Amino acid sequence: NNPANEWLFDDAWGVDAAVSTPRMLAAMVEEATGLGDLVRLMTFRQGEANLVEITLPSTAPHVGLALRQVPLPRDSALVAIVRGKRVLVPTPDDTLEAGDELVFVCTAEMEDEVRTVVLGADPSRGPGGRAG
């Protein structure tokens, strides 16, 4: 699978989401080194929405709070919480724990805001919340 050919696989071919093995492998490598950062796992609809994951560090501002207390940005949805070997479908009463892998669907424009809400403001991060 050549990632440069992803553009071929669209609605005209009956494909909802092009899956690129190299992109998935790259995301897995990033995930292994990405505690406390947002990792893009997949892009839907030619970049209009992304599946992203953030592993919650113990320093995150919402650890110990119920989801109903977390002000999630517009155009984003928390679709799963991976906790150990369990996959949880999030409910407003679920409490976030350090080490939770939060899986979101959001627009590309909202990724930085999702990162900021989940991880909090960090002065060591540059514009948009990215390390650097």
C-alpha atoms as a PDB file:
ATOM      1  CA  ASN A   1       0.000   0.000   0.000  1.00  0.00           C
ATOM      2  CA  ASN A   2       1.429   3.306  -1.085  1.00  0.00           C
ATOM      3  CA  PRO A   3       0.092   6.225   1.018  1.00  0.00           C
ATOM      4  CA  ALA A   4       0.377   8.449  -2.058  1.00  0.00           C
ATOM      5  CA  ASN A   5      -2.497   6.445  -3.586  1.00  0.00           C
ATOM      6  CA  GLU A   6      -4.973   7.086  -0.756  1.00  0.00           C
ATOM      7  CA  TRP A   7      -6.689   9.770  -2.846  1.00  0.00           C
ATOM      8  CA  LEU A   8      -7.864   7.043  -5.245  1.00  0.00           C
ATOM      9  CA  PHE A   9     -10.062   5.427  -2.616  1.00  0.00           C
ATOM     10  CA  ASP A  10     -13.060   7.729  -2.194  1.00  0.00           C
ATOM     11  CA  ASP A  11     -16.860   7.720  -2.359  1.00  0.00           C
ATOM     12  CA  ALA A  12     -16.757   7.104  -6.096  1.00  0.00           C
ATOM     13  CA  TRP A  13     -15.218   3.714  -5.321  1.00  0.00           C
ATOM     14  CA  GLY A  14     -17.560   3.086  -2.385  1.00  0.00           C
ATOM     15  CA  VAL A  15     -14.822   3.621   0.216  1.00  0.00           C
ATOM     16  CA  ASP A  16     -15.704   5.545   3.396  1.00  0.00           C
ATOM     17  CA  ALA A  17     -12.185   5.614   4.822  1.00  0.00           C
ATOM     18  CA  ALA A  18      -8.959   4.740   3.062  1.00  0.00           C
ATOM     19  CA  VAL A  19      -6.746   2.600   5.281  1.00  0.00           C
ATOM     20  CA  SER A  20      -3.035   2.924   4.724  1.00  0.00           C
ATOM     21  CA  THR A  21      -0.845   0.286   6.366  1.00  0.00           C
ATOM     22  CA  PRO A  22       2.219   2.576   6.420  1.00  0.00           C
ATOM     23  CA  ARG A  23       0.151   5.381   7.991  1.00  0.00           C
ATOM     24  CA  MET A  24      -1.280   3.007  10.604  1.00  0.00           C
ATOM     25  CA  LEU A  25       2.202   1.696  11.445  1.00  0.00           C
ATOM     26  CA  ALA A  26       3.523   5.243  11.748  1.00  0.00           C
ATOM     27  CA  ALA A  27       0.630   6.103  14.077  1.00  0.00           C
ATOM     28  CA  MET A  28       1.443   3.073  16.233  1.00  0.00           C
ATOM     29  CA  VAL A  29       5.089   4.167  16.525  1.00  0.00           C
ATOM     30  CA  GLU A  30       3.983   7.703  17.422  1.00  0.00           C
ATOM     31  CA  GLU A  31       1.560   6.305  19.982  1.00  0.00           C
ATOM     32  CA  ALA A  32       4.339   4.344  21.671  1.00  0.00           C
ATOM     33  CA  THR A  33       6.241   7.595  22.187  1.00  0.00           C
ATOM     34  CA  GLY A  34       3.266   9.931  22.524  1.00  0.00           C
ATOM     35  CA  LEU A  35       2.178   9.916  26.197  1.00  0.00           C
ATOM     36  CA  GLY A  36       0.460  13.212  26.736  1.00  0.00           C
ATOM     37  CA  ASP A  37       0.264  14.204  23.081  1.00  0.00           C
ATOM     38  CA  LEU A  38      -2.346  13.901  20.356  1.00  0.00           C
ATOM     39  CA  VAL A  39      -1.764  11.168  17.756  1.00  0.00           C
ATOM     40  CA  ARG A  40      -3.748  11.135  14.504  1.00  0.00           C
ATOM     41  CA  LEU A  41      -4.764   7.530  13.829  1.00  0.00           C
ATOM     42  CA  MET A  42      -6.904   7.908  10.711  1.00  0.00           C
ATOM     43  CA  THR A  43      -8.367  10.522   8.398  1.00  0.00           C
ATOM     44  CA  PHE A  44     -11.964  10.290   7.183  1.00  0.00           C
ATOM     45  CA  ARG A  45     -13.570  11.933   4.171  1.00  0.00           C
ATOM     46  CA  GLN A  46     -10.424  13.346   2.593  1.00  0.00           C
ATOM     47  CA  GLY A  47      -9.337  15.215   5.704  1.00  0.00           C
ATOM     48  CA  GLU A  48     -12.657  16.600   6.911  1.00  0.00           C
ATOM     49  CA  ALA A  49     -12.535  14.519  10.110  1.00  0.00           C
ATOM     50  CA  ASN A  50      -9.834  12.614  11.947  1.00  0.00           C
ATOM     51  CA  LEU A  51      -9.664   9.814  14.463  1.00  0.00           C
ATOM     52  CA  VAL A  52      -7.185  10.941  17.121  1.00  0.00           C
ATOM     53  CA  GLU A  53      -5.925   9.547  20.410  1.00  0.00           C
ATOM     54  CA  ILE A  54      -4.501  11.184  23.513  1.00  0.00           C
ATOM     55  CA  THR A  55      -3.045   9.165  26.389  1.00  0.00           C
ATOM     56  CA  LEU A  56      -3.941  11.029  29.560  1.00  0.00           C
ATOM     57  CA  PRO A  57      -0.927  11.820  31.777  1.00  0.00           C
ATOM     58  CA  SER A  58      -1.372  12.073  35.546  1.00  0.00           C
ATOM     59  CA  THR A  59      -0.819  15.847  35.266  1.00  0.00           C
ATOM     60  CA  ALA A  60      -3.834  16.415  32.983  1.00  0.00           C
ATOM     61  CA  PRO A  61      -6.335  18.891  34.486  1.00  0.00           C
ATOM     62  CA  HIS A  62      -9.389  16.621  34.229  1.00  0.00           C
ATOM     63  CA  VAL A  63      -7.966  13.451  35.824  1.00  0.00           C
ATOM     64  CA  GLY A  64     -10.425  12.371  38.504  1.00  0.00           C
ATOM     65  CA  LEU A  65     -13.331  14.353  37.045  1.00  0.00           C
ATOM     66  CA  ALA A  66     -16.512  13.066  35.431  1.00  0.00           C
ATOM     67  CA  LEU A  67     -16.795  13.620  31.675  1.00  0.00           C
ATOM     68  CA  ARG A  68     -19.766  15.928  32.234  1.00  0.00           C
ATOM     69  CA  GLN A  69     -17.274  18.373  33.799  1.00  0.00           C
ATOM     70  CA  VAL A  70     -14.952  18.400  30.767  1.00  0.00           C
ATOM     71  CA  PRO A  71     -15.724  21.222  28.297  1.00  0.00           C
ATOM     72  CA  LEU A  72     -15.152  19.397  25.008  1.00  0.00           C
ATOM     73  CA  PRO A  73     -14.759  21.657  21.961  1.00  0.00           C
ATOM     74  CA  ARG A  74     -17.314  21.877  19.161  1.00  0.00           C
ATOM     75  CA  ASP A  75     -16.807  19.564  16.189  1.00  0.00           C
ATOM     76  CA  SER A  76     -15.275  16.915  18.432  1.00  0.00           C
ATOM     77  CA  ALA A  77     -16.652  13.751  20.010  1.00  0.00           C
ATOM     78  CA  LEU A  78     -15.066  11.436  22.551  1.00  0.00           C
ATOM     79  CA  VAL A  79     -15.954   8.044  21.065  1.00  0.00           C
ATOM     80  CA  ALA A  80     -14.024   5.627  23.290  1.00  0.00           C
ATOM     81  CA  ILE A  81     -11.911   5.367  26.408  1.00  0.00           C
ATOM     82  CA  VAL A  82      -9.349   2.576  26.349  1.00  0.00           C
ATOM     83  CA  ARG A  83      -8.510   1.683  29.945  1.00  0.00           C
ATOM     84  CA  GLY A  84      -6.139  -1.239  30.304  1.00  0.00           C
ATOM     85  CA  LYS A  85      -7.700  -4.113  28.369  1.00  0.00           C
ATOM     86  CA  ARG A  86     -11.188  -2.562  28.367  1.00  0.00           C
ATOM     87  CA  VAL A  87     -12.844  -0.319  25.793  1.00  0.00           C
ATOM     88  CA  LEU A  88     -15.445   1.942  27.367  1.00  0.00           C
ATOM     89  CA  VAL A  89     -18.189   3.751  25.511  1.00  0.00           C
ATOM     90  CA  PRO A  90     -18.041   7.118  27.285  1.00  0.00           C
ATOM     91  CA  THR A  91     -20.957   8.341  29.400  1.00  0.00           C
ATOM     92  CA  PRO A  92     -21.238  11.662  31.252  1.00  0.00           C
ATOM     93  CA  ASP A  93     -20.692   9.846  34.564  1.00  0.00           C
ATOM     94  CA  ASP A  94     -17.393   8.172  33.573  1.00  0.00           C
ATOM     95  CA  THR A  95     -14.385   9.477  35.495  1.00  0.00           C
ATOM     96  CA  LEU A  96     -11.114  10.077  33.663  1.00  0.00           C
ATOM     97  CA  GLU A  97      -8.048   8.260  34.972  1.00  0.00           C
ATOM     98  CA  ALA A  98      -4.344   8.756  34.347  1.00  0.00           C
ATOM     99  CA  GLY A  99      -3.248   6.421  31.552  1.00  0.00           C
ATOM    100  CA  ASP A 100      -6.655   6.426  29.832  1.00  0.00           C
ATOM    101  CA  GLU A 101      -6.393   6.484  26.058  1.00  0.00           C
ATOM    102  CA  LEU A 102      -9.043   8.928  24.863  1.00  0.00           C
ATOM    103  CA  VAL A 103     -10.182   8.377  21.277  1.00  0.00           C
ATOM    104  CA  PHE A 104     -11.846  11.339  19.540  1.00  0.00           C
ATOM    105  CA  VAL A 105     -13.346  12.070  16.163  1.00  0.00           C
ATOM    106  CA  CYS A 106     -12.813  15.737  15.352  1.00  0.00           C
ATOM    107  CA  THR A 107     -12.165  18.097  12.494  1.00  0.00           C
ATOM    108  CA  ALA A 108      -8.527  18.848  11.747  1.00  0.00           C
ATOM    109  CA  GLU A 109      -9.117  22.461  12.771  1.00  0.00           C
ATOM    110  CA  MET A 110     -10.176  21.372  16.269  1.00  0.00           C
ATOM    111  CA  GLU A 111      -7.245  19.026  17.032  1.00  0.00           C
ATOM    112  CA  ASP A 112      -5.236  21.735  18.805  1.00  0.00           C
ATOM    113  CA  GLU A 113      -8.246  22.769  20.889  1.00  0.00           C
ATOM    114  CA  VAL A 114      -8.960  19.139  21.845  1.00  0.00           C
ATOM    115  CA  ARG A 115      -5.301  18.798  22.864  1.00  0.00           C
ATOM    116  CA  THR A 116      -5.437  21.986  24.945  1.00  0.00           C
ATOM    117  CA  VAL A 117      -8.689  21.042  26.706  1.00  0.00           C
ATOM    118  CA  VAL A 118      -7.539  17.508  27.505  1.00  0.00           C
ATOM    119  CA  LEU A 119      -3.930  18.265  28.446  1.00  0.00           C
ATOM    120  CA  GLY A 120      -4.274  21.829  29.720  1.00  0.00           C
ATOM    121  CA  ALA A 121      -2.058  24.790  28.941  1.00  0.00           C
ATOM    122  CA  ASP A 122       1.629  23.908  29.086  1.00  0.00           C
ATOM    123  CA  PRO A 123       4.215  26.689  28.773  1.00  0.00           C
ATOM    124  CA  SER A 124       6.762  24.241  27.289  1.00  0.00           C
ATOM    125  CA  ARG A 125       4.477  23.819  24.257  1.00  0.00           C
ATOM    126  CA  GLY A 126       4.547  26.214  21.368  1.00  0.00           C
ATOM    127  CA  PRO A 127       1.587  27.698  19.494  1.00  0.00           C
ATOM    128  CA  GLY A 128      -1.268  25.244  19.076  1.00  0.00           C
ATOM    129  CA  GLY A 129      -0.109  23.188  22.068  1.00  0.00           C
ATOM    130  CA  ARG A 130       2.583  21.298  20.171  1.00  0.00           C
ATOM    131  CA  ALA A 131       5.845  20.469  21.877  1.00  0.00           C
ATOM    132  CA  GLY A 132       8.754  22.303  20.474  1.00  0.00           C
END
